[in-house]
Amino acid sequence: MTDLAPARARLVAGLTAEQPQKSRKRLILSAATVVGLAAAITGVVAFGGLESVGVAPPEAEAAAFLHEAADAVRVLPTTPPLPGQFVYSRSVTTEGPAKPGTRPMASTTG
């Protein structure tokens, strides 16, 4: 067997020794740099935008997005509402204001 006492003594000495001031200063400087960089990036995105740099996402118009969503839903197969669900309908007539209504679906289980 080998004697592990010298290695154990070096390990304990390394674990109990105080860290030098240089590494603490380096940690503080690194943390300040990261915080400053994050603040700068946030400021550019929030106030200046990224259009001038050429990496901004394309602007989406709400109407175009909703039309695309409606087109995607139209191709899905229709499914009847489940028992306990409600169907909301709104009709517009020429004789008066819109008449919203909600009616429960009849249970199909017998």
Protein backbone atom coordinates (compact mmCIF):
# COMPACT_ATOMS: atom_id res chain seq x y z
CA MET A 1 0.00 0.00 0.00
CA THR A 2 1.07 3.55 -0.58
CA ASP A 3 1.15 6.22 2.06
CA LEU A 4 -1.48 8.87 1.31
CA ALA A 5 -0.63 11.16 4.20
CA PRO A 6 1.44 13.67 2.16
CA ALA A 7 -1.27 13.96 -0.51
CA ARG A 8 -3.98 14.30 2.13
CA ALA A 9 -2.00 17.06 3.86
CA ARG A 10 -1.64 19.01 0.60
CA LEU A 11 -5.35 18.61 -0.11
CA VAL A 12 -6.39 19.84 3.34
CA ALA A 13 -3.95 22.75 3.10
CA GLY A 14 -5.36 23.76 -0.28
CA LEU A 15 -8.95 23.54 0.92
CA THR A 16 -8.39 25.56 4.07
CA ALA A 17 -6.16 28.24 2.56
CA GLU A 18 -7.68 31.65 1.94
CA GLN A 19 -8.18 32.74 -1.64
CA PRO A 20 -5.87 35.48 -2.74
CA GLN A 21 -7.29 38.99 -3.20
CA LYS A 22 -6.44 38.91 -6.88
CA SER A 23 -9.10 36.33 -7.72
CA ARG A 24 -11.76 38.25 -5.74
CA LYS A 25 -10.94 41.44 -7.62
CA ARG A 26 -11.12 39.51 -10.89
CA LEU A 27 -14.53 38.15 -9.91
CA ILE A 28 -15.86 41.61 -9.09
CA LEU A 29 -14.51 43.03 -12.34
CA SER A 30 -16.01 40.17 -14.36
CA ALA A 31 -19.40 40.58 -12.68
CA ALA A 32 -19.40 44.33 -13.34
CA THR A 33 -18.50 43.74 -16.98
CA VAL A 34 -21.32 41.23 -17.45
CA VAL A 35 -23.88 43.53 -15.80
CA GLY A 36 -22.75 46.49 -17.90
CA LEU A 37 -22.90 44.50 -21.11
CA ALA A 38 -26.37 43.22 -20.29
CA ALA A 39 -27.56 46.77 -19.57
CA ALA A 40 -26.10 48.04 -22.84
CA ILE A 41 -27.76 45.30 -24.89
CA THR A 42 -31.08 45.89 -23.15
CA GLY A 43 -30.83 49.63 -23.84
CA VAL A 44 -30.08 49.12 -27.53
CA VAL A 45 -32.97 46.72 -28.00
CA ALA A 46 -35.45 48.74 -25.92
CA PHE A 47 -34.69 52.23 -27.18
CA GLY A 48 -32.84 52.02 -30.45
CA GLY A 49 -34.07 48.79 -31.93
CA LEU A 50 -32.01 46.54 -34.12
CA GLU A 51 -33.15 47.82 -37.51
CA SER A 52 -30.02 49.91 -37.97
CA VAL A 53 -27.85 46.85 -37.43
CA GLY A 54 -29.88 44.73 -39.84
CA VAL A 55 -30.78 41.91 -37.47
CA ALA A 56 -34.30 42.96 -36.46
CA PRO A 57 -37.11 40.45 -36.94
CA PRO A 58 -39.65 41.33 -39.61
CA GLU A 59 -42.60 43.31 -38.34
CA ALA A 60 -45.76 41.26 -38.18
CA GLU A 61 -49.10 42.83 -38.85
CA ALA A 62 -51.85 41.59 -36.59
CA ALA A 63 -54.38 41.28 -39.40
CA ALA A 64 -52.07 39.18 -41.57
CA PHE A 65 -51.19 36.94 -38.64
CA LEU A 66 -54.85 36.42 -37.72
CA HIS A 67 -55.78 35.65 -41.33
CA GLU A 68 -53.05 33.02 -41.49
CA ALA A 69 -54.30 31.51 -38.23
CA ALA A 70 -57.87 31.45 -39.52
CA ASP A 71 -56.77 29.76 -42.75
CA ALA A 72 -54.93 27.10 -40.75
CA VAL A 73 -58.00 26.42 -38.61
CA ARG A 74 -60.32 26.19 -41.62
CA VAL A 75 -58.50 23.16 -42.98
CA LEU A 76 -58.89 21.24 -39.72
CA PRO A 77 -61.74 18.75 -39.53
CA THR A 78 -64.78 19.99 -37.64
CA THR A 79 -65.52 18.30 -34.35
CA PRO A 80 -68.71 18.67 -32.37
CA PRO A 81 -68.47 20.19 -28.90
CA LEU A 82 -68.15 17.78 -26.02
CA PRO A 83 -70.84 17.48 -23.38
CA GLY A 84 -70.51 20.30 -20.88
CA GLN A 85 -69.01 22.68 -23.46
CA PHE A 86 -70.79 25.77 -24.73
CA VAL A 87 -71.14 27.28 -28.17
CA TYR A 88 -71.10 31.08 -28.40
CA SER A 89 -72.80 32.68 -31.35
CA ARG A 90 -73.38 36.28 -32.35
CA SER A 91 -75.79 37.32 -35.05
CA VAL A 92 -76.12 40.69 -36.67
CA THR A 93 -79.44 41.71 -38.16
CA THR A 94 -80.65 44.78 -39.98
CA GLU A 95 -83.50 45.25 -37.50
CA GLY A 96 -81.40 45.90 -34.40
CA PRO A 97 -78.19 45.40 -32.50
CA ALA A 98 -76.21 42.20 -32.32
CA LYS A 99 -77.72 39.48 -30.18
CA PRO A 100 -75.09 37.39 -28.45
CA GLY A 101 -76.11 34.06 -27.05
CA THR A 102 -74.65 31.05 -25.32
CA ARG A 103 -76.29 27.68 -25.24
CA PRO A 104 -75.11 24.44 -23.68
CA MET A 105 -74.62 21.45 -25.91
CA ALA A 106 -76.90 18.48 -25.34
CA SER A 107 -75.21 15.36 -24.08
CA THR A 108 -74.83 12.72 -26.78
CA THR A 109 -74.24 9.90 -24.32
CA GLY A 110 -77.32 7.95 -23.38
